[in-house]
Amino acid sequence: MSDFVYDKIAVGTRIREKRLALRLTQEKVAEKPDKSLRLITEIERGAVGMSIETLMSLCDALKTTPNDLLLPGDRAEDDEL
């Protein structure tokens, strides 16, 4: 049994940090997965969760993996989902 807990606020923070590191705007990130700017904003704030489809689209837009977004830094490198 895994001790993984989906922390929307922490995931949103990691998404925002990754987006800023790539110097992308929320608008630009919303274009690639064809999502609304409002949804991207709410995900980054941790106000809403996201579907697997949205997660995978964001990973593509941010050139990252689900582990990097869902897991804390030290676990992202070691764990497989």
N, C-alpha and C. Protein backbone atom coordinates (compact mmCIF):
# COMPACT_ATOMS: atom_id res chain seq x y z
N MET A 1 0.84 -1.18 0.00
CA MET A 1 0.00 0.00 0.00
C MET A 1 0.89 1.24 0.00
N SER A 2 0.63 2.14 -0.88
CA SER A 2 1.43 3.36 -1.01
C SER A 2 0.96 4.41 -0.01
N ASP A 3 1.89 5.26 0.41
CA ASP A 3 1.53 6.35 1.31
C ASP A 3 1.36 7.66 0.54
N PHE A 4 1.15 7.57 -0.76
CA PHE A 4 0.98 8.74 -1.61
C PHE A 4 -0.34 9.44 -1.29
N VAL A 5 -0.28 10.74 -1.11
CA VAL A 5 -1.46 11.58 -0.91
C VAL A 5 -1.41 12.68 -1.97
N TYR A 6 -2.51 12.83 -2.70
CA TYR A 6 -2.57 13.86 -3.74
C TYR A 6 -2.78 15.22 -3.09
N ASP A 7 -1.72 15.98 -3.00
CA ASP A 7 -1.74 17.32 -2.41
C ASP A 7 -1.86 18.33 -3.55
N LYS A 8 -3.09 18.79 -3.81
CA LYS A 8 -3.33 19.70 -4.94
C LYS A 8 -2.51 20.97 -4.86
N ILE A 9 -2.32 21.50 -3.66
CA ILE A 9 -1.55 22.73 -3.52
C ILE A 9 -0.09 22.50 -3.88
N ALA A 10 0.49 21.42 -3.39
CA ALA A 10 1.90 21.12 -3.70
C ALA A 10 2.08 20.82 -5.18
N VAL A 11 1.14 20.08 -5.77
CA VAL A 11 1.22 19.78 -7.21
C VAL A 11 1.10 21.08 -8.01
N GLY A 12 0.17 21.92 -7.64
CA GLY A 12 0.01 23.21 -8.33
C GLY A 12 1.26 24.06 -8.24
N THR A 13 1.90 24.04 -7.07
CA THR A 13 3.16 24.78 -6.89
C THR A 13 4.24 24.23 -7.81
N ARG A 14 4.35 22.91 -7.91
CA ARG A 14 5.36 22.31 -8.79
C ARG A 14 5.09 22.64 -10.25
N ILE A 15 3.81 22.66 -10.63
CA ILE A 15 3.45 23.03 -12.01
C ILE A 15 3.87 24.46 -12.27
N ARG A 16 3.53 25.37 -11.36
CA ARG A 16 3.89 26.79 -11.53
C ARG A 16 5.40 26.97 -11.60
N GLU A 17 6.14 26.30 -10.70
CA GLU A 17 7.60 26.41 -10.70
C GLU A 17 8.20 25.90 -12.01
N LYS A 18 7.68 24.79 -12.51
CA LYS A 18 8.18 24.24 -13.78
C LYS A 18 7.87 25.21 -14.93
N ARG A 19 6.66 25.76 -14.93
CA ARG A 19 6.27 26.70 -15.99
C ARG A 19 7.17 27.93 -15.98
N LEU A 20 7.41 28.47 -14.79
CA LEU A 20 8.25 29.66 -14.67
C LEU A 20 9.70 29.36 -15.06
N ALA A 21 10.19 28.18 -14.71
CA ALA A 21 11.56 27.79 -15.08
C ALA A 21 11.71 27.73 -16.60
N LEU A 22 10.63 27.37 -17.28
CA LEU A 22 10.65 27.32 -18.74
C LEU A 22 10.30 28.67 -19.37
N ARG A 23 10.03 29.64 -18.51
CA ARG A 23 9.65 30.99 -18.95
C ARG A 23 8.41 30.99 -19.85
N LEU A 24 7.43 30.22 -19.42
CA LEU A 24 6.16 30.15 -20.15
C LEU A 24 5.09 30.89 -19.37
N THR A 25 4.17 31.50 -20.07
CA THR A 25 3.02 32.13 -19.44
C THR A 25 1.94 31.07 -19.22
N GLN A 26 1.00 31.37 -18.36
CA GLN A 26 -0.14 30.47 -18.18
C GLN A 26 -0.91 30.34 -19.49
N GLU A 27 -1.00 31.41 -20.22
CA GLU A 27 -1.71 31.39 -21.50
C GLU A 27 -1.05 30.41 -22.47
N LYS A 28 0.28 30.43 -22.52
CA LYS A 28 1.01 29.55 -23.42
C LYS A 28 0.82 28.09 -23.02
N VAL A 29 0.86 27.82 -21.72
CA VAL A 29 0.66 26.45 -21.24
C VAL A 29 -0.76 25.98 -21.55
N ALA A 30 -1.72 26.86 -21.43
CA ALA A 30 -3.12 26.50 -21.70
C ALA A 30 -3.35 26.17 -23.17
N GLU A 31 -2.56 26.74 -24.07
CA GLU A 31 -2.73 26.50 -25.51
C GLU A 31 -2.47 25.05 -25.88
N LYS A 32 -1.36 24.51 -25.40
CA LYS A 32 -0.94 23.19 -25.85
C LYS A 32 -1.96 22.10 -25.49
N PRO A 33 -2.40 22.03 -24.22
CA PRO A 33 -3.40 21.00 -23.94
C PRO A 33 -4.82 21.44 -24.27
N ASP A 34 -4.96 22.63 -24.88
CA ASP A 34 -6.27 23.17 -25.23
C ASP A 34 -7.19 23.24 -24.01
N LYS A 35 -6.64 23.81 -22.94
CA LYS A 35 -7.39 24.00 -21.70
C LYS A 35 -7.60 25.49 -21.49
N SER A 36 -8.55 25.84 -20.64
CA SER A 36 -8.80 27.25 -20.40
C SER A 36 -7.74 27.82 -19.46
N LEU A 37 -7.50 29.09 -19.62
CA LEU A 37 -6.58 29.81 -18.74
C LEU A 37 -7.06 29.71 -17.30
N ARG A 38 -8.36 29.79 -17.10
CA ARG A 38 -8.91 29.71 -15.75
C ARG A 38 -8.58 28.36 -15.11
N LEU A 39 -8.68 27.27 -15.87
CA LEU A 39 -8.36 25.95 -15.33
C LEU A 39 -6.89 25.87 -14.92
N ILE A 40 -6.00 26.36 -15.77
CA ILE A 40 -4.57 26.33 -15.46
C ILE A 40 -4.29 27.14 -14.19
N THR A 41 -4.93 28.29 -14.08
CA THR A 41 -4.76 29.14 -12.90
C THR A 41 -5.25 28.42 -11.64
N GLU A 42 -6.39 27.78 -11.73
CA GLU A 42 -6.95 27.09 -10.57
C GLU A 42 -6.12 25.87 -10.19
N ILE A 43 -5.57 25.16 -11.17
CA ILE A 43 -4.69 24.03 -10.88
C ILE A 43 -3.44 24.52 -10.17
N GLU A 44 -2.83 25.58 -10.68
CA GLU A 44 -1.61 26.12 -10.06
C GLU A 44 -1.86 26.60 -8.63
N ARG A 45 -3.04 27.11 -8.35
CA ARG A 45 -3.37 27.56 -7.00
C ARG A 45 -3.73 26.40 -6.08
N GLY A 46 -3.96 25.23 -6.66
CA GLY A 46 -4.36 24.08 -5.86
C GLY A 46 -5.83 24.10 -5.53
N ALA A 47 -6.60 24.93 -6.23
CA ALA A 47 -8.03 25.04 -5.97
C ALA A 47 -8.82 23.88 -6.55
N VAL A 48 -8.29 23.26 -7.60
CA VAL A 48 -8.96 22.12 -8.23
C VAL A 48 -7.93 21.05 -8.55
N GLY A 49 -8.41 19.83 -8.65
CA GLY A 49 -7.58 18.73 -9.12
C GLY A 49 -7.62 18.70 -10.64
N MET A 50 -7.11 17.62 -11.20
CA MET A 50 -7.13 17.51 -12.66
C MET A 50 -7.28 16.06 -13.06
N SER A 51 -7.76 15.87 -14.26
CA SER A 51 -7.91 14.52 -14.80
C SER A 51 -6.55 13.99 -15.25
N ILE A 52 -6.49 12.70 -15.47
CA ILE A 52 -5.26 12.10 -16.00
C ILE A 52 -4.94 12.72 -17.36
N GLU A 53 -5.97 12.95 -18.16
CA GLU A 53 -5.78 13.56 -19.49
C GLU A 53 -5.14 14.95 -19.36
N THR A 54 -5.63 15.76 -18.44
CA THR A 54 -5.06 17.09 -18.22
C THR A 54 -3.64 16.99 -17.70
N LEU A 55 -3.41 16.07 -16.76
CA LEU A 55 -2.06 15.86 -16.23
C LEU A 55 -1.08 15.53 -17.36
N MET A 56 -1.46 14.61 -18.23
CA MET A 56 -0.56 14.20 -19.31
C MET A 56 -0.34 15.35 -20.31
N SER A 57 -1.38 16.14 -20.56
CA SER A 57 -1.24 17.29 -21.45
C SER A 57 -0.30 18.33 -20.84
N LEU A 58 -0.43 18.56 -19.54
CA LEU A 58 0.47 19.51 -18.87
C LEU A 58 1.91 18.99 -18.89
N CYS A 59 2.08 17.70 -18.67
CA CYS A 59 3.43 17.12 -18.73
C CYS A 59 4.05 17.36 -20.10
N ASP A 60 3.27 17.18 -21.14
CA ASP A 60 3.76 17.42 -22.50
C ASP A 60 4.13 18.89 -22.68
N ALA A 61 3.26 19.78 -22.26
CA ALA A 61 3.50 21.23 -22.41
C ALA A 61 4.71 21.68 -21.60
N LEU A 62 4.92 21.06 -20.44
CA LEU A 62 6.01 21.46 -19.55
C LEU A 62 7.26 20.59 -19.70
N LYS A 63 7.22 19.67 -20.65
CA LYS A 63 8.36 18.79 -20.92
C LYS A 63 8.84 18.08 -19.65
N THR A 64 7.90 17.42 -18.99
CA THR A 64 8.20 16.74 -17.74
C THR A 64 7.40 15.46 -17.64
N THR A 65 7.49 14.80 -16.51
CA THR A 65 6.79 13.53 -16.29
C THR A 65 5.76 13.69 -15.18
N PRO A 66 4.79 12.78 -15.12
CA PRO A 66 3.83 12.83 -14.01
C PRO A 66 4.52 12.74 -12.65
N ASN A 67 5.54 11.92 -12.52
CA ASN A 67 6.26 11.82 -11.24
C ASN A 67 6.81 13.17 -10.81
N ASP A 68 7.37 13.92 -11.74
CA ASP A 68 7.94 15.22 -11.39
C ASP A 68 6.88 16.19 -10.86
N LEU A 69 5.66 16.07 -11.36
CA LEU A 69 4.61 16.98 -10.91
C LEU A 69 3.87 16.47 -9.68
N LEU A 70 3.67 15.16 -9.59
CA LEU A 70 2.86 14.61 -8.51
C LEU A 70 3.62 14.33 -7.23
N LEU A 71 4.90 14.00 -7.34
CA LEU A 71 5.67 13.58 -6.17
C LEU A 71 6.64 14.65 -5.71
N PRO A 72 6.88 14.72 -4.40
CA PRO A 72 7.90 15.65 -3.89
C PRO A 72 9.24 15.35 -4.55
N GLY A 73 10.10 16.34 -4.63
CA GLY A 73 11.38 16.24 -5.34
C GLY A 73 12.18 14.99 -5.08
N ASP A 74 12.38 14.59 -3.83
CA ASP A 74 13.20 13.43 -3.54
C ASP A 74 12.52 12.13 -3.95
N ARG A 75 11.21 12.09 -3.96
CA ARG A 75 10.50 10.88 -4.37
C ARG A 75 10.30 10.81 -5.87
N ALA A 76 10.26 11.95 -6.56
CA ALA A 76 10.02 11.96 -7.99
C ALA A 76 11.10 11.20 -8.75
N GLU A 77 12.32 11.27 -8.26
CA GLU A 77 13.44 10.62 -8.94
C GLU A 77 13.48 9.12 -8.64
N ASP A 78 12.97 8.69 -7.50
CA ASP A 78 13.10 7.31 -7.07
C ASP A 78 11.87 6.44 -7.34
N ASP A 79 10.69 7.01 -7.25
CA ASP A 79 9.46 6.23 -7.32
C ASP A 79 8.90 6.15 -8.72
N GLU A 80 8.21 5.07 -8.98
CA GLU A 80 7.45 4.91 -10.20
C GLU A 80 5.99 4.88 -9.82
N LEU A 81 5.15 5.53 -10.62
CA LEU A 81 3.70 5.49 -10.36
C LEU A 81 3.11 4.22 -10.91
